[in-house]
Amino acid sequence: MAVWLKADLELLWNRVRHKTTRPLLKTADPKGTLTALLAAREPVYAEAAVTVQARSEYSVEDMAGKVIEALQSHGEVMGK
């Protein structure tokens, strides 16, 4: 089952703008590249059975909890 951790452009940009480990963003306009990648990929990501909205204030643990909640509400409980 696919889970889309949906994040808006600004959240994604804030997370990757200082990373040197993103080869696709090693361009003259990395934010423009990220914008184009997001636009191209969103229709495919939207096909995921479960979508969880990411928020800047969520810790990794918070996000994991949101994913577990979404899976449980979808009827998919892992580890049981």
Protein backbone atom coordinates (compact mmCIF):
# COMPACT_ATOMS: atom_id res chain seq x y z
CA MET A 1 0.00 0.00 0.00
CA ALA A 2 1.29 3.44 -0.90
CA VAL A 3 1.20 6.32 1.58
CA TRP A 4 1.71 9.87 0.33
CA LEU A 5 3.35 12.15 2.85
CA LYS A 6 1.92 15.29 1.27
CA ALA A 7 3.92 18.44 1.84
CA ASP A 8 3.54 21.81 0.18
CA LEU A 9 6.31 23.41 -1.86
CA GLU A 10 7.54 25.72 0.90
CA LEU A 11 7.84 22.90 3.42
CA LEU A 12 9.74 20.76 0.93
CA TRP A 13 11.97 23.68 -0.03
CA ASN A 14 12.77 24.46 3.60
CA ARG A 15 13.79 20.85 4.14
CA VAL A 16 16.02 20.47 1.07
CA ARG A 17 17.44 23.89 0.24
CA HIS A 18 20.64 23.42 2.23
CA LYS A 19 21.15 19.75 1.36
CA THR A 20 23.95 18.74 -0.96
CA THR A 21 22.63 15.19 -1.29
CA ARG A 22 19.83 15.99 -3.76
CA PRO A 23 21.33 15.48 -7.24
CA LEU A 24 18.14 16.45 -9.07
CA LEU A 25 18.27 19.85 -7.38
CA LYS A 26 21.83 20.63 -8.44
CA THR A 27 20.61 23.09 -11.04
CA ALA A 28 20.87 26.83 -11.63
CA ASP A 29 17.37 27.22 -10.13
CA PRO A 30 16.87 24.45 -7.56
CA LYS A 31 13.57 25.83 -6.24
CA GLY A 32 12.23 26.06 -9.79
CA THR A 33 13.38 22.49 -10.37
CA LEU A 34 11.66 21.36 -7.17
CA THR A 35 8.49 23.17 -8.25
CA ALA A 36 8.53 21.39 -11.61
CA LEU A 37 9.25 18.00 -10.02
CA LEU A 38 6.41 18.43 -7.56
CA ALA A 39 3.97 19.44 -10.30
CA ALA A 40 4.96 16.46 -12.44
CA ARG A 41 4.82 13.95 -9.59
CA GLU A 42 1.70 15.07 -7.70
CA PRO A 43 -0.76 13.31 -10.03
CA VAL A 44 1.05 10.02 -9.44
CA TYR A 45 1.40 10.60 -5.69
CA ALA A 46 -2.32 11.39 -5.53
CA GLU A 47 -3.03 7.79 -6.52
CA ALA A 48 -1.78 6.58 -3.13
CA ALA A 49 -4.41 4.80 -1.08
CA VAL A 50 -3.55 6.89 1.98
CA THR A 51 -2.53 10.55 2.16
CA VAL A 52 -1.07 12.17 5.25
CA GLN A 53 -0.57 15.93 5.30
CA ALA A 54 2.90 16.94 6.51
CA ARG A 55 3.29 20.05 8.63
CA SER A 56 6.42 21.94 9.59
CA GLU A 57 5.61 21.66 13.28
CA TYR A 58 5.47 17.84 13.19
CA SER A 59 8.44 15.94 14.54
CA VAL A 60 9.42 12.65 12.93
CA GLU A 61 7.54 10.90 15.74
CA ASP A 62 4.44 13.06 15.16
CA MET A 63 4.47 12.25 11.46
CA ALA A 64 4.89 8.54 12.14
CA GLY A 65 1.91 8.72 14.48
CA LYS A 66 -0.17 10.44 11.80
CA VAL A 67 0.74 7.69 9.33
CA ILE A 68 -0.24 4.99 11.83
CA GLU A 69 -3.56 6.75 12.49
CA ALA A 70 -4.23 7.02 8.76
CA LEU A 71 -3.44 3.36 8.19
CA GLN A 72 -5.67 2.33 11.09
CA SER A 73 -8.56 4.43 9.81
CA HIS A 74 -8.04 2.89 6.37
CA GLY A 75 -8.25 -0.58 7.90
CA GLU A 76 -4.58 -1.36 7.55
CA VAL A 77 -3.06 -2.03 10.95
CA MET A 78 0.55 -3.07 10.83
CA GLY A 79 2.12 -5.28 13.44
CA LYS A 80 -1.10 -6.96 14.57
